Amino acid sequence: MSDTSHTESSHTESTGLSSGVYIAAFLVLFFILAALGDLFTFIVGSIGLVITFAAFYKDNSHSDGHH
């Protein structure tokens, strides 16, 4: 038996998820807010959800151009 390192399978660079996954996560969280929250919770939660995902998108889109 030989000690060989498989460099192809050890991937150190992290790859981001596709934008479809982020949209699906946003919609699931949005529908949970709509179904389980009252009006005030829905409004405040929606604002927080939109701000969070918009800031995350801005951070990801800014770093995509600079490798």
PDB file of N, CA and C in Angstrom:
ATOM      1  N   MET A   1       0.833  -1.170   0.000  1.00  0.00           N
ATOM      2  CA  MET A   1       0.000   0.000   0.000  1.00  0.00           C
ATOM      3  C   MET A   1       0.883   1.239   0.000  1.00  0.00           C
ATOM      4  N   SER A   2       0.518   2.169  -0.817  1.00  0.00           N
ATOM      5  CA  SER A   2       1.295   3.394  -0.893  1.00  0.00           C
ATOM      6  C   SER A   2       0.483   4.552  -0.347  1.00  0.00           C
ATOM      7  N   ASP A   3       1.189   5.540   0.161  1.00  0.00           N
ATOM      8  CA  ASP A   3       0.538   6.738   0.674  1.00  0.00           C
ATOM      9  C   ASP A   3       0.476   7.772  -0.436  1.00  0.00           C
ATOM     10  N   THR A   4      -0.665   7.854  -1.055  1.00  0.00           N
ATOM     11  CA  THR A   4      -0.849   8.854  -2.109  1.00  0.00           C
ATOM     12  C   THR A   4      -1.874   9.861  -1.648  1.00  0.00           C
ATOM     13  N   SER A   5      -1.606  11.099  -1.940  1.00  0.00           N
ATOM     14  CA  SER A   5      -2.570  12.134  -1.585  1.00  0.00           C
ATOM     15  C   SER A   5      -3.408  12.455  -2.813  1.00  0.00           C
ATOM     16  N   HIS A   6      -4.676  12.513  -2.611  1.00  0.00           N
ATOM     17  CA  HIS A   6      -5.598  12.812  -3.705  1.00  0.00           C
ATOM     18  C   HIS A   6      -5.901  14.299  -3.683  1.00  0.00           C
ATOM     19  N   THR A   7      -5.123  15.058  -4.421  1.00  0.00           N
ATOM     20  CA  THR A   7      -5.310  16.502  -4.418  1.00  0.00           C
ATOM     21  C   THR A   7      -6.547  16.917  -5.203  1.00  0.00           C
ATOM     22  N   GLU A   8      -7.011  16.039  -6.106  1.00  0.00           N
ATOM     23  CA  GLU A   8      -8.205  16.394  -6.860  1.00  0.00           C
ATOM     24  C   GLU A   8      -9.421  16.427  -5.950  1.00  0.00           C
ATOM     25  N   SER A   9      -9.474  15.504  -5.006  1.00  0.00           N
ATOM     26  CA  SER A   9     -10.660  15.411  -4.171  1.00  0.00           C
ATOM     27  C   SER A   9     -10.621  16.344  -2.976  1.00  0.00           C
ATOM     28  N   SER A  10      -9.443  16.793  -2.582  1.00  0.00           N
ATOM     29  CA  SER A  10      -9.376  17.725  -1.454  1.00  0.00           C
ATOM     30  C   SER A  10      -9.447  19.142  -1.994  1.00  0.00           C
ATOM     31  N   HIS A  11     -10.611  19.687  -1.928  1.00  0.00           N
ATOM     32  CA  HIS A  11     -10.892  20.997  -2.516  1.00  0.00           C
ATOM     33  C   HIS A  11     -10.944  22.014  -1.397  1.00  0.00           C
ATOM     34  N   THR A  12      -9.968  22.917  -1.352  1.00  0.00           N
ATOM     35  CA  THR A  12      -9.907  23.879  -0.265  1.00  0.00           C
ATOM     36  C   THR A  12     -10.679  25.151  -0.582  1.00  0.00           C
ATOM     37  N   GLU A  13     -10.888  25.445  -1.836  1.00  0.00           N
ATOM     38  CA  GLU A  13     -11.599  26.658  -2.225  1.00  0.00           C
ATOM     39  C   GLU A  13     -13.098  26.420  -2.093  1.00  0.00           C
ATOM     40  N   SER A  14     -13.780  27.305  -1.375  1.00  0.00           N
ATOM     41  CA  SER A  14     -15.219  27.121  -1.178  1.00  0.00           C
ATOM     42  C   SER A  14     -15.981  27.699  -2.357  1.00  0.00           C
ATOM     43  N   THR A  15     -16.975  26.961  -2.794  1.00  0.00           N
ATOM     44  CA  THR A  15     -17.798  27.431  -3.898  1.00  0.00           C
ATOM     45  C   THR A  15     -19.135  27.876  -3.347  1.00  0.00           C
ATOM     46  N   GLY A  16     -19.634  28.987  -3.848  1.00  0.00           N
ATOM     47  CA  GLY A  16     -20.906  29.510  -3.396  1.00  0.00           C
ATOM     48  C   GLY A  16     -22.062  28.740  -4.002  1.00  0.00           C
ATOM     49  N   LEU A  17     -23.185  28.822  -3.356  1.00  0.00           N
ATOM     50  CA  LEU A  17     -24.387  28.180  -3.871  1.00  0.00           C
ATOM     51  C   LEU A  17     -24.954  29.009  -5.010  1.00  0.00           C
ATOM     52  N   SER A  18     -25.769  28.373  -5.810  1.00  0.00           N
ATOM     53  CA  SER A  18     -26.360  29.099  -6.926  1.00  0.00           C
ATOM     54  C   SER A  18     -27.389  30.099  -6.416  1.00  0.00           C
ATOM     55  N   SER A  19     -27.708  31.058  -7.245  1.00  0.00           N
ATOM     56  CA  SER A  19     -28.656  32.085  -6.828  1.00  0.00           C
ATOM     57  C   SER A  19     -30.053  31.509  -6.643  1.00  0.00           C
ATOM     58  N   GLY A  20     -30.361  30.413  -7.317  1.00  0.00           N
ATOM     59  CA  GLY A  20     -31.658  29.764  -7.141  1.00  0.00           C
ATOM     60  C   GLY A  20     -31.861  29.250  -5.730  1.00  0.00           C
ATOM     61  N   VAL A  21     -30.792  28.787  -5.108  1.00  0.00           N
ATOM     62  CA  VAL A  21     -30.876  28.302  -3.729  1.00  0.00           C
ATOM     63  C   VAL A  21     -31.176  29.458  -2.788  1.00  0.00           C
ATOM     64  N   TYR A  22     -30.542  30.600  -3.018  1.00  0.00           N
ATOM     65  CA  TYR A  22     -30.794  31.769  -2.173  1.00  0.00           C
ATOM     66  C   TYR A  22     -32.215  32.303  -2.365  1.00  0.00           C
ATOM     67  N   ILE A  23     -32.709  32.270  -3.579  1.00  0.00           N
ATOM     68  CA  ILE A  23     -34.080  32.713  -3.837  1.00  0.00           C
ATOM     69  C   ILE A  23     -35.068  31.769  -3.162  1.00  0.00           C
ATOM     70  N   ALA A  24     -34.808  30.466  -3.250  1.00  0.00           N
ATOM     71  CA  ALA A  24     -35.686  29.488  -2.605  1.00  0.00           C
ATOM     72  C   ALA A  24     -35.678  29.670  -1.093  1.00  0.00           C
ATOM     73  N   ALA A  25     -34.511  29.896  -0.508  1.00  0.00           N
ATOM     74  CA  ALA A  25     -34.425  30.117   0.935  1.00  0.00           C
ATOM     75  C   ALA A  25     -35.177  31.379   1.337  1.00  0.00           C
ATOM     76  N   PHE A  26     -35.044  32.425   0.540  1.00  0.00           N
ATOM     77  CA  PHE A  26     -35.765  33.665   0.812  1.00  0.00           C
ATOM     78  C   PHE A  26     -37.280  33.435   0.779  1.00  0.00           C
ATOM     79  N   LEU A  27     -37.752  32.736  -0.243  1.00  0.00           N
ATOM     80  CA  LEU A  27     -39.191  32.497  -0.372  1.00  0.00           C
ATOM     81  C   LEU A  27     -39.719  31.614   0.754  1.00  0.00           C
ATOM     82  N   VAL A  28     -38.963  30.589   1.137  1.00  0.00           N
ATOM     83  CA  VAL A  28     -39.392  29.724   2.239  1.00  0.00           C
ATOM     84  C   VAL A  28     -39.507  30.529   3.526  1.00  0.00           C
ATOM     85  N   LEU A  29     -38.493  31.334   3.834  1.00  0.00           N
ATOM     86  CA  LEU A  29     -38.548  32.153   5.039  1.00  0.00           C
ATOM     87  C   LEU A  29     -39.672  33.183   4.965  1.00  0.00           C
ATOM     88  N   PHE A  30     -39.908  33.739   3.796  1.00  0.00           N
ATOM     89  CA  PHE A  30     -40.974  34.717   3.616  1.00  0.00           C
ATOM     90  C   PHE A  30     -42.348  34.078   3.853  1.00  0.00           C
ATOM     91  N   PHE A  31     -42.549  32.878   3.313  1.00  0.00           N
ATOM     92  CA  PHE A  31     -43.828  32.195   3.503  1.00  0.00           C
ATOM     93  C   PHE A  31     -44.024  31.730   4.946  1.00  0.00           C
ATOM     94  N   ILE A  32     -42.938  31.378   5.630  1.00  0.00           N
ATOM     95  CA  ILE A  32     -43.043  31.039   7.051  1.00  0.00           C
ATOM     96  C   ILE A  32     -43.481  32.264   7.841  1.00  0.00           C
ATOM     97  N   LEU A  33     -42.902  33.417   7.515  1.00  0.00           N
ATOM     98  CA  LEU A  33     -43.343  34.653   8.172  1.00  0.00           C
ATOM     99  C   LEU A  33     -44.815  34.935   7.907  1.00  0.00           C
ATOM    100  N   ALA A  34     -45.246  34.735   6.673  1.00  0.00           N
ATOM    101  CA  ALA A  34     -46.635  35.023   6.318  1.00  0.00           C
ATOM    102  C   ALA A  34     -47.600  34.062   7.011  1.00  0.00           C
ATOM    103  N   ALA A  35     -47.196  32.810   7.148  1.00  0.00           N
ATOM    104  CA  ALA A  35     -48.106  31.808   7.705  1.00  0.00           C
ATOM    105  C   ALA A  35     -48.151  31.839   9.227  1.00  0.00           C
ATOM    106  N   LEU A  36     -47.026  32.095   9.867  1.00  0.00           N
ATOM    107  CA  LEU A  36     -46.956  31.949  11.321  1.00  0.00           C
ATOM    108  C   LEU A  36     -46.948  33.264  12.093  1.00  0.00           C
ATOM    109  N   GLY A  37     -46.727  34.371  11.419  1.00  0.00           N
ATOM    110  CA  GLY A  37     -46.631  35.637  12.130  1.00  0.00           C
ATOM    111  C   GLY A  37     -47.891  36.466  12.015  1.00  0.00           C
ATOM    112  N   ASP A  38     -48.083  37.356  12.956  1.00  0.00           N
ATOM    113  CA  ASP A  38     -49.172  38.310  12.820  1.00  0.00           C
ATOM    114  C   ASP A  38     -48.713  39.444  11.897  1.00  0.00           C
ATOM    115  N   LEU A  39     -49.532  40.451  11.718  1.00  0.00           N
ATOM    116  CA  LEU A  39     -49.230  41.493  10.736  1.00  0.00           C
ATOM    117  C   LEU A  39     -47.958  42.257  11.087  1.00  0.00           C
ATOM    118  N   PHE A  40     -47.786  42.633  12.350  1.00  0.00           N
ATOM    119  CA  PHE A  40     -46.601  43.386  12.747  1.00  0.00           C
ATOM    120  C   PHE A  40     -45.334  42.551  12.554  1.00  0.00           C
ATOM    121  N   THR A  41     -45.384  41.279  12.979  1.00  0.00           N
ATOM    122  CA  THR A  41     -44.230  40.395  12.810  1.00  0.00           C
ATOM    123  C   THR A  41     -43.915  40.189  11.336  1.00  0.00           C
ATOM    124  N   PHE A  42     -44.945  40.071  10.522  1.00  0.00           N
ATOM    125  CA  PHE A  42     -44.751  39.890   9.088  1.00  0.00           C
ATOM    126  C   PHE A  42     -44.077  41.112   8.470  1.00  0.00           C
ATOM    127  N   ILE A  43     -44.544  42.301   8.823  1.00  0.00           N
ATOM    128  CA  ILE A  43     -43.975  43.520   8.242  1.00  0.00           C
ATOM    129  C   ILE A  43     -42.528  43.718   8.687  1.00  0.00           C
ATOM    130  N   VAL A  44     -42.276  43.624   9.987  1.00  0.00           N
ATOM    131  CA  VAL A  44     -40.907  43.824  10.499  1.00  0.00           C
ATOM    132  C   VAL A  44     -39.986  42.702  10.021  1.00  0.00           C
ATOM    133  N   GLY A  45     -40.476  41.474  10.030  1.00  0.00           N
ATOM    134  CA  GLY A  45     -39.667  40.346   9.563  1.00  0.00           C
ATOM    135  C   GLY A  45     -39.347  40.438   8.089  1.00  0.00           C
ATOM    136  N   SER A  46     -40.310  40.888   7.296  1.00  0.00           N
ATOM    137  CA  SER A  46     -40.075  41.034   5.853  1.00  0.00           C
ATOM    138  C   SER A  46     -39.019  42.093   5.572  1.00  0.00           C
ATOM    139  N   ILE A  47     -39.096  43.200   6.297  1.00  0.00           N
ATOM    140  CA  ILE A  47     -38.083  44.252   6.123  1.00  0.00           C
ATOM    141  C   ILE A  47     -36.702  43.715   6.495  1.00  0.00           C
ATOM    142  N   GLY A  48     -36.611  43.021   7.608  1.00  0.00           N
ATOM    143  CA  GLY A  48     -35.331  42.442   8.023  1.00  0.00           C
ATOM    144  C   GLY A  48     -34.823  41.404   7.046  1.00  0.00           C
ATOM    145  N   LEU A  49     -35.721  40.583   6.519  1.00  0.00           N
ATOM    146  CA  LEU A  49     -35.344  39.551   5.562  1.00  0.00           C
ATOM    147  C   LEU A  49     -34.826  40.172   4.269  1.00  0.00           C
ATOM    148  N   VAL A  50     -35.515  41.184   3.779  1.00  0.00           N
ATOM    149  CA  VAL A  50     -35.091  41.850   2.543  1.00  0.00           C
ATOM    150  C   VAL A  50     -33.738  42.533   2.732  1.00  0.00           C
ATOM    151  N   ILE A  51     -33.549  43.206   3.848  1.00  0.00           N
ATOM    152  CA  ILE A  51     -32.268  43.884   4.106  1.00  0.00           C
ATOM    153  C   ILE A  51     -31.130  42.871   4.212  1.00  0.00           C
ATOM    154  N   THR A  52     -31.384  41.768   4.903  1.00  0.00           N
ATOM    155  CA  THR A  52     -30.348  40.740   5.069  1.00  0.00           C
ATOM    156  C   THR A  52     -29.939  40.133   3.734  1.00  0.00           C
ATOM    157  N   PHE A  53     -30.914  39.728   2.935  1.00  0.00           N
ATOM    158  CA  PHE A  53     -30.581  39.112   1.654  1.00  0.00           C
ATOM    159  C   PHE A  53     -29.994  40.119   0.677  1.00  0.00           C
ATOM    160  N   ALA A  54     -30.437  41.378   0.723  1.00  0.00           N
ATOM    161  CA  ALA A  54     -29.870  42.397  -0.164  1.00  0.00           C
ATOM    162  C   ALA A  54     -28.407  42.677   0.194  1.00  0.00           C
ATOM    163  N   ALA A  55     -28.101  42.741   1.492  1.00  0.00           N
ATOM    164  CA  ALA A  55     -26.710  42.965   1.909  1.00  0.00           C
ATOM    165  C   ALA A  55     -25.836  41.779   1.532  1.00  0.00           C
ATOM    166  N   PHE A  56     -26.363  40.575   1.680  1.00  0.00           N
ATOM    167  CA  PHE A  56     -25.599  39.381   1.295  1.00  0.00           C
ATOM    168  C   PHE A  56     -25.350  39.363  -0.205  1.00  0.00           C
ATOM    169  N   TYR A  57     -26.364  39.713  -1.001  1.00  0.00           N
ATOM    170  CA  TYR A  57     -26.201  39.745  -2.450  1.00  0.00           C
ATOM    171  C   TYR A  57     -25.177  40.795  -2.854  1.00  0.00           C
ATOM    172  N   LYS A  58     -25.209  41.951  -2.202  1.00  0.00           N
ATOM    173  CA  LYS A  58     -24.258  43.014  -2.520  1.00  0.00           C
ATOM    174  C   LYS A  58     -22.836  42.566  -2.208  1.00  0.00           C
ATOM    175  N   ASP A  59     -22.641  41.886  -1.082  1.00  0.00           N
ATOM    176  CA  ASP A  59     -21.311  41.386  -0.725  1.00  0.00           C
ATOM    177  C   ASP A  59     -20.832  40.339  -1.719  1.00  0.00           C
ATOM    178  N   ASN A  60     -21.718  39.433  -2.138  1.00  0.00           N
ATOM    179  CA  ASN A  60     -21.332  38.387  -3.078  1.00  0.00           C
ATOM    180  C   ASN A  60     -21.090  38.942  -4.469  1.00  0.00           C
ATOM    181  N   SER A  61     -21.886  39.875  -4.917  1.00  0.00           N
ATOM    182  CA  SER A  61     -21.705  40.400  -6.271  1.00  0.00           C
ATOM    183  C   SER A  61     -20.442  41.256  -6.346  1.00  0.00           C
ATOM    184  N   HIS A  62     -20.079  41.896  -5.258  1.00  0.00           N
ATOM    185  CA  HIS A  62     -18.851  42.696  -5.255  1.00  0.00           C
ATOM    186  C   HIS A  62     -17.614  41.815  -5.297  1.00  0.00           C
ATOM    187  N   SER A  63     -17.645  40.661  -4.617  1.00  0.00           N
ATOM    188  CA  SER A  63     -16.468  39.799  -4.573  1.00  0.00           C
ATOM    189  C   SER A  63     -16.378  38.893  -5.788  1.00  0.00           C
ATOM    190  N   ASP A  64     -17.452  38.748  -6.577  1.00  0.00           N
ATOM    191  CA  ASP A  64     -17.404  37.886  -7.747  1.00  0.00           C
ATOM    192  C   ASP A  64     -16.475  38.422  -8.822  1.00  0.00           C
ATOM    193  N   GLY A  65     -16.385  39.727  -8.969  1.00  0.00           N
ATOM    194  CA  GLY A  65     -15.549  40.307 -10.005  1.00  0.00           C
ATOM    195  C   GLY A  65     -14.072  40.290  -9.677  1.00  0.00           C
ATOM    196  N   HIS A  66     -13.725  40.135  -8.418  1.00  0.00           N
ATOM    197  CA  HIS A  66     -12.326  40.162  -7.986  1.00  0.00           C
ATOM    198  C   HIS A  66     -11.926  38.790  -7.481  1.00  0.00           C
ATOM    199  N   HIS A  67     -11.214  38.043  -8.325  1.00  0.00           N
ATOM    200  CA  HIS A  67     -10.814  36.683  -7.936  1.00  0.00           C
ATOM    201  C   HIS A  67      -9.484  36.701  -7.257  1.00  0.00           C
TER     202      HIS A  67
END
